[in-house]
Amino acid sequence: MLISIDRQSPRPAWQQVADELCRLVATGALGADEQIPSVRTLALELAINPNTIQKAYTSLEAAGITYAVAGVGRFVSPDARGIIATRGQERLAELQHSMSELVQTGITQEQLLDTVQAAVTKGGQA
């Protein structure tokens, strides 16, 4: 599984794990009803505390992105891609609102475009 954690990031490790799993679902690398690694397996793979993985998995289940089958494991929800896409559209609307506010403070279109390009480039390297 291609999950990585940036130990220098200010974002908590559990959030990075949850975001990486969402990325894998959104890109089709993980499909509906596909099993995800156990807490123990992923904790060993990433060399982080199992409680960190458990917190990520709990957040994904609460969001409807995964579901658990007692004694079997955790799986990607059939609705996961739609949930993630909806969340992305909501964030995009928030970003548009924030950019409008920034323009009102004197930030130029060029500065905004440079910032967006830097973010996209950084995101593509993850």
Protein backbone atom coordinates (compact mmCIF):
# COMPACT_ATOMS: atom_id res chain seq x y z
CA MET A 1 0.00 0.00 0.00
CA LEU A 2 1.34 3.41 -0.91
CA ILE A 3 0.77 5.43 2.24
CA SER A 4 3.41 7.79 3.53
CA ILE A 5 3.57 10.02 6.57
CA ASP A 6 5.45 13.31 6.65
CA ARG A 7 6.92 13.42 10.13
CA GLN A 8 7.75 17.13 9.65
CA SER A 9 4.17 18.06 8.84
CA PRO A 10 2.16 20.06 11.35
CA ARG A 11 -0.84 17.83 10.50
CA PRO A 12 -1.31 14.97 12.96
CA ALA A 13 -0.21 11.55 11.73
CA TRP A 14 -3.71 10.10 12.13
CA GLN A 15 -5.08 12.79 9.80
CA GLN A 16 -2.35 12.10 7.25
CA VAL A 17 -3.22 8.38 7.31
CA ALA A 18 -6.93 9.14 6.84
CA ASP A 19 -6.16 11.59 4.03
CA GLU A 20 -3.86 9.11 2.29
CA LEU A 21 -6.50 6.39 2.41
CA CYS A 22 -9.04 8.85 0.99
CA ARG A 23 -6.58 9.69 -1.78
CA LEU A 24 -6.23 5.99 -2.62
CA VAL A 25 -10.00 5.63 -2.77
CA ALA A 26 -10.45 8.80 -4.83
CA THR A 27 -7.86 7.67 -7.38
CA GLY A 28 -9.32 4.17 -7.63
CA ALA A 29 -6.31 2.46 -6.06
CA LEU A 30 -8.73 1.16 -3.41
CA GLY A 31 -12.14 0.11 -4.63
CA ALA A 32 -15.52 -0.39 -3.02
CA ASP A 33 -15.64 -3.29 -0.56
CA GLU A 34 -11.87 -3.72 -0.78
CA GLN A 35 -10.21 -4.60 2.51
CA ILE A 36 -7.76 -2.11 4.00
CA PRO A 37 -4.77 -3.17 6.11
CA SER A 38 -5.35 -4.04 9.74
CA VAL A 39 -4.41 -1.50 12.39
CA ARG A 40 -1.42 -3.63 13.39
CA THR A 41 -0.21 -4.19 9.84
CA LEU A 42 -0.36 -0.51 8.87
CA ALA A 43 1.19 0.60 12.17
CA LEU A 44 4.15 -1.73 11.55
CA GLU A 45 4.45 -0.63 7.92
CA LEU A 46 4.50 3.07 8.86
CA ALA A 47 6.39 2.56 12.14
CA ILE A 48 3.82 4.51 14.15
CA ASN A 49 1.69 3.77 17.18
CA PRO A 50 -1.34 1.53 16.49
CA ASN A 51 -3.52 4.03 18.38
CA THR A 52 -2.71 6.55 15.65
CA ILE A 53 -3.98 4.16 12.96
CA GLN A 54 -7.04 3.35 15.08
CA LYS A 55 -7.89 7.05 15.33
CA ALA A 56 -7.61 7.42 11.54
CA TYR A 57 -9.77 4.35 10.97
CA THR A 58 -12.37 5.56 13.47
CA SER A 59 -12.59 8.91 11.67
CA LEU A 60 -12.98 7.18 8.28
CA GLU A 61 -15.72 4.94 9.60
CA ALA A 62 -17.54 7.90 11.18
CA ALA A 63 -17.42 9.67 7.81
CA GLY A 64 -18.88 6.63 6.05
CA ILE A 65 -15.74 5.99 4.02
CA THR A 66 -15.03 2.59 5.58
CA TYR A 67 -16.98 -0.03 7.46
CA ALA A 68 -15.94 -2.82 9.79
CA VAL A 69 -16.93 -6.47 9.72
CA ALA A 70 -16.43 -8.03 13.15
CA GLY A 71 -13.68 -10.61 13.11
CA VAL A 72 -12.84 -9.96 9.45
CA GLY A 73 -11.51 -6.41 9.10
CA ARG A 74 -12.24 -3.03 7.61
CA PHE A 75 -13.38 -2.35 4.08
CA VAL A 76 -13.94 0.60 1.75
CA SER A 77 -17.58 1.65 1.74
CA PRO A 78 -19.45 1.38 -1.57
CA ASP A 79 -20.29 5.09 -1.15
CA ALA A 80 -16.72 6.16 -0.30
CA ARG A 81 -15.81 7.75 -3.65
CA GLY A 82 -19.00 9.80 -3.68
CA ILE A 83 -18.49 10.93 -0.10
CA ILE A 84 -14.92 11.97 -0.86
CA ALA A 85 -15.98 13.75 -4.07
CA THR A 86 -18.71 15.64 -2.20
CA ARG A 87 -16.23 16.65 0.48
CA GLY A 88 -13.86 17.86 -2.24
CA GLN A 89 -16.58 19.99 -3.84
CA GLU A 90 -17.39 21.51 -0.46
CA ARG A 91 -13.73 22.34 0.11
CA LEU A 92 -13.50 23.84 -3.36
CA ALA A 93 -16.44 26.14 -2.59
CA GLU A 94 -14.73 27.16 0.67
CA LEU A 95 -11.52 27.84 -1.25
CA GLN A 96 -13.37 30.00 -3.76
CA HIS A 97 -14.85 32.03 -0.92
CA SER A 98 -11.42 32.40 0.72
CA MET A 99 -9.84 33.50 -2.55
CA SER A 100 -12.53 36.15 -2.99
CA GLU A 101 -11.76 37.46 0.48
CA LEU A 102 -8.02 37.49 -0.30
CA VAL A 103 -8.59 39.52 -3.48
CA GLN A 104 -10.46 42.07 -1.37
CA THR A 105 -7.36 42.42 0.83
CA GLY A 106 -5.14 43.25 -2.13
CA ILE A 107 -3.75 39.81 -3.02
CA THR A 108 -3.26 39.66 -6.78
CA GLN A 109 -4.53 37.04 -9.17
CA GLU A 110 -0.92 36.16 -9.95
CA GLN A 111 -0.19 35.53 -6.26
CA LEU A 112 -3.24 33.31 -5.99
CA LEU A 113 -2.34 31.36 -9.12
CA ASP A 114 1.25 30.91 -7.92
CA THR A 115 -0.02 29.62 -4.58
CA VAL A 116 -2.45 27.22 -6.21
CA GLN A 117 0.26 25.97 -8.58
CA ALA A 118 2.67 25.40 -5.68
CA ALA A 119 0.02 23.47 -3.76
CA VAL A 120 -0.88 21.32 -6.76
CA THR A 121 2.78 20.60 -7.47
CA LYS A 122 3.44 19.68 -3.84
CA GLY A 123 0.32 17.52 -3.73
CA GLY A 124 1.34 15.70 -6.88
CA GLN A 125 4.63 14.68 -5.30
CA ALA A 126 2.97 13.00 -2.32
